[in-house]
Protein backbone atom coordinates (compact mmCIF):
# COMPACT_ATOMS: atom_id res chain seq x y z
CA MET A 1 34.87 21.55 -7.12
CA LYS A 2 32.37 24.20 -6.03
CA ASN A 3 30.36 23.69 -9.25
CA VAL A 4 30.23 19.94 -8.65
CA LEU A 5 28.94 20.44 -5.10
CA THR A 6 26.35 22.94 -6.32
CA ALA A 7 25.19 20.50 -9.00
CA LEU A 8 24.91 17.68 -6.46
CA VAL A 9 22.91 19.85 -4.07
CA LEU A 10 20.54 20.89 -6.87
CA LEU A 11 20.16 17.29 -8.04
CA PHE A 12 19.38 16.15 -4.50
CA ALA A 13 16.84 18.95 -4.05
CA ALA A 14 15.11 18.11 -7.34
CA THR A 15 14.97 14.42 -6.44
CA SER A 16 13.56 15.21 -3.00
CA ILE A 17 10.89 17.49 -4.44
CA SER A 18 9.95 14.84 -7.01
CA ALA A 19 9.65 12.14 -4.34
CA ALA A 20 7.65 14.41 -2.06
CA GLY A 21 5.30 15.23 -4.91
CA SER A 22 4.55 11.56 -5.51
CA LEU A 23 3.69 11.15 -1.85
CA GLU A 24 1.25 14.06 -2.02
CA GLY A 25 -1.24 12.41 -4.35
CA LYS A 26 0.66 12.73 -7.62
CA GLY A 27 1.83 9.14 -7.56
CA PRO A 28 0.52 5.69 -6.77
CA ILE A 29 0.25 6.13 -2.99
CA GLY A 30 -1.88 3.02 -2.49
CA GLU A 31 0.69 0.94 -4.32
CA LEU A 32 3.56 2.34 -2.25
CA GLU A 33 1.69 1.70 0.99
CA PHE A 34 0.68 -1.79 -0.16
CA LYS A 35 4.35 -2.57 -0.83
CA GLU A 36 5.33 -1.21 2.58
CA TYR A 37 2.67 -2.92 4.71
CA CYS A 38 1.18 -5.80 2.72
CA ALA A 39 3.44 -7.16 -0.01
CA GLY A 40 5.55 -9.20 2.39
CA CYS A 41 2.63 -11.57 2.95
CA HIS A 42 0.67 -10.73 -0.24
CA PRO A 43 3.27 -10.56 -3.05
CA ASN A 44 1.59 -9.72 -6.35
CA GLY A 45 -1.79 -10.08 -4.63
CA GLY A 46 -1.11 -13.63 -3.50
CA ASN A 47 -1.12 -14.95 0.03
CA ARG A 48 1.97 -16.63 1.49
CA ARG A 49 0.20 -17.85 4.61
CA ASN A 50 -2.93 -19.13 2.92
CA PRO A 51 -2.50 -19.51 -0.86
CA LYS A 52 -6.22 -20.35 -1.16
CA LYS A 53 -7.05 -16.76 -0.14
CA PRO A 54 -5.28 -14.35 -2.51
CA LEU A 55 -6.39 -10.74 -2.95
CA GLY A 56 -8.14 -11.32 -6.27
CA LYS A 57 -11.75 -10.25 -6.80
CA LYS A 58 -13.13 -13.80 -6.81
CA SER A 59 -11.39 -14.71 -3.57
CA LEU A 60 -12.33 -11.47 -1.81
CA GLU A 61 -15.97 -11.78 -2.85
CA GLY A 62 -15.93 -15.37 -1.59
CA GLY A 63 -15.07 -13.91 1.81
CA ASP A 64 -17.83 -11.31 1.39
CA ILE A 65 -15.30 -8.52 0.91
CA LYS A 66 -16.54 -6.43 -2.00
CA THR A 67 -15.79 -2.83 -1.12
CA VAL A 68 -13.06 -0.51 0.07
CA GLN A 69 -14.76 -0.46 3.47
CA GLY A 70 -14.72 -4.27 3.57
CA ILE A 71 -10.97 -4.36 2.97
CA VAL A 72 -10.34 -1.64 5.55
CA ALA A 73 -12.40 -3.65 8.06
CA LYS A 74 -10.23 -6.71 7.30
CA ILE A 75 -7.06 -4.63 7.76
CA ARG A 76 -8.38 -3.50 11.17
CA ASN A 77 -9.77 -6.85 12.30
CA PRO A 78 -8.24 -9.70 10.28
CA GLY A 79 -8.71 -13.39 10.65
CA PRO A 80 -6.16 -15.87 11.97
CA GLY A 81 -2.68 -15.55 10.50
CA MET A 82 -2.93 -11.94 9.33
CA THR A 83 -1.29 -9.06 11.12
CA ARG A 84 -3.74 -6.57 12.63
CA PHE A 85 -3.14 -2.93 11.66
CA ASP A 86 -4.88 -0.45 13.96
CA LYS A 87 -5.24 3.28 13.21
CA GLU A 88 -1.92 4.02 14.87
CA ALA A 89 -0.10 1.63 12.51
CA ILE A 90 -2.01 2.57 9.33
CA SER A 91 -4.17 5.68 9.23
CA ASP A 92 -7.71 5.54 7.83
CA LYS A 93 -6.50 7.45 4.77
CA GLU A 94 -3.66 4.98 4.17
CA ALA A 95 -5.93 1.98 4.72
CA THR A 96 -8.41 3.41 2.20
CA GLU A 97 -5.64 4.00 -0.35
CA ILE A 98 -4.39 0.44 0.12
CA ALA A 99 -7.91 -0.95 -0.27
CA GLU A 100 -8.52 1.07 -3.44
CA TYR A 101 -5.23 -0.19 -4.85
CA ILE A 102 -6.15 -3.81 -4.06
CA LEU A 103 -9.56 -3.52 -5.74
CA LYS A 104 -8.10 -1.79 -8.78
CA THR A 105 -5.07 -4.06 -9.18
CA PHE A 106 -5.99 -7.59 -8.19
C-alpha cells in the first residue's frame, strides 16, 4: 500500500510540474487563454453573437484590425455585444498572447 501511495504522489508531482511548465511559456499559452476567455463566444474563431464578424484575417482587416495591438485594443474597448476585458480581468501579457494566437490561428 505504501508503494502505491508513493507512486501516486510521484505521478501527481510529475503531472503538476508538466502542467506548470506549459504555463511558463513552454506550451500554447495564447491558445489556453483564448479557450478560457474567448472561445465561449468565438468557438473556432467564429462569432456566436455576430456570425458576420468572425476572427478570420479578412473579417478583422475589414474592421481595420490588423495587428496584435489592434486586437488588444478591441479586447479592452469592444463594440456592442462583446464583453469588455480590462487589465484586471486579462493582463496586458495575456491579452497580447491571445491576440498573437488569433492572428496566427484564424
